[in-house]
């Protein structure tokens, strides 16, 4: 039961964070204030290749 509860709470936290991040990104793009970070993009690509 404890593992199930931890899993559920973790999922809720990730979902809330992701939703907030997406909303912030939408606002930045709409306001033409979004500036991509090439280093973060490269990090994500390299991290995905390792999977």
C-alpha atoms as a PDB file:
ATOM      1  CA  UNK A   1       0.000   0.000   0.000  1.00  0.00           C
ATOM      2  CA  UNK A   2       2.840   2.399   0.831  1.00  0.00           C
ATOM      3  CA  UNK A   3       4.467   1.884  -2.595  1.00  0.00           C
ATOM      4  CA  UNK A   4       1.137   2.506  -4.279  1.00  0.00           C
ATOM      5  CA  UNK A   5       0.628   5.750  -2.334  1.00  0.00           C
ATOM      6  CA  UNK A   6       4.160   6.980  -3.085  1.00  0.00           C
ATOM      7  CA  UNK A   7       3.685   6.185  -6.754  1.00  0.00           C
ATOM      8  CA  UNK A   8       0.370   8.037  -6.867  1.00  0.00           C
ATOM      9  CA  UNK A   9       1.762  11.122  -5.132  1.00  0.00           C
ATOM     10  CA  UNK A  10       4.826  11.139  -7.382  1.00  0.00           C
ATOM     11  CA  UNK A  11       2.610  11.002 -10.454  1.00  0.00           C
ATOM     12  CA  UNK A  12       0.475  13.883  -9.182  1.00  0.00           C
ATOM     13  CA  UNK A  13       3.557  16.021  -8.535  1.00  0.00           C
ATOM     14  CA  UNK A  14       4.997  15.274 -11.977  1.00  0.00           C
ATOM     15  CA  UNK A  15       1.676  16.030 -13.663  1.00  0.00           C
ATOM     16  CA  UNK A  16       1.248  19.320 -11.816  1.00  0.00           C
ATOM     17  CA  UNK A  17       4.799  20.397 -12.624  1.00  0.00           C
ATOM     18  CA  UNK A  18       4.501  19.394 -16.269  1.00  0.00           C
ATOM     19  CA  UNK A  19       1.163  21.176 -16.633  1.00  0.00           C
ATOM     20  CA  UNK A  20       2.608  24.329 -15.077  1.00  0.00           C
ATOM     21  CA  UNK A  21       5.667  24.140 -17.309  1.00  0.00           C
ATOM     22  CA  UNK A  22       3.516  23.749 -20.411  1.00  0.00           C
ATOM     23  CA  UNK A  23       1.338  26.710 -19.477  1.00  0.00           C
ATOM     24  CA  UNK A  24       4.408  28.878 -18.844  1.00  0.00           C
ATOM     25  CA  UNK A  25       5.872  27.805 -22.188  1.00  0.00           C
ATOM     26  CA  UNK A  26       2.627  28.637 -24.000  1.00  0.00           C
ATOM     27  CA  UNK A  27       2.598  32.111 -22.433  1.00  0.00           C
ATOM     28  CA  UNK A  28       6.241  32.728 -23.392  1.00  0.00           C
ATOM     29  CA  UNK A  29       5.670  31.589 -26.994  1.00  0.00           C
ATOM     30  CA  UNK A  30       2.515  33.683 -27.310  1.00  0.00           C
ATOM     31  CA  UNK A  31       4.325  36.745 -25.956  1.00  0.00           C
ATOM     32  CA  UNK A  32       7.237  36.020 -28.334  1.00  0.00           C
ATOM     33  CA  UNK A  33       9.562  35.830 -25.310  1.00  0.00           C
ATOM     34  CA  UNK A  34      10.596  32.173 -25.685  1.00  0.00           C
ATOM     35  CA  UNK A  35      14.304  31.713 -26.304  1.00  0.00           C
ATOM     36  CA  UNK A  36      15.416  28.088 -26.784  1.00  0.00           C
ATOM     37  CA  UNK A  37      18.492  26.993 -24.824  1.00  0.00           C
ATOM     38  CA  UNK A  38      20.708  24.970 -27.191  1.00  0.00           C
ATOM     39  CA  UNK A  39      22.639  23.370 -24.307  1.00  0.00           C
ATOM     40  CA  UNK A  40      19.443  22.097 -22.648  1.00  0.00           C
ATOM     41  CA  UNK A  41      18.237  20.742 -25.981  1.00  0.00           C
ATOM     42  CA  UNK A  42      21.555  18.945 -26.547  1.00  0.00           C
ATOM     43  CA  UNK A  43      21.473  17.540 -22.999  1.00  0.00           C
ATOM     44  CA  UNK A  44      17.988  16.113 -23.556  1.00  0.00           C
ATOM     45  CA  UNK A  45      18.973  14.592 -26.897  1.00  0.00           C
ATOM     46  CA  UNK A  46      22.062  12.971 -25.422  1.00  0.00           C
ATOM     47  CA  UNK A  47      20.083  11.705 -22.441  1.00  0.00           C
ATOM     48  CA  UNK A  48      17.508  10.099 -24.755  1.00  0.00           C
ATOM     49  CA  UNK A  49      20.240   8.388 -26.805  1.00  0.00           C
ATOM     50  CA  UNK A  50      21.503   6.701 -23.636  1.00  0.00           C
ATOM     51  CA  UNK A  51      18.103   5.031 -23.043  1.00  0.00           C
END
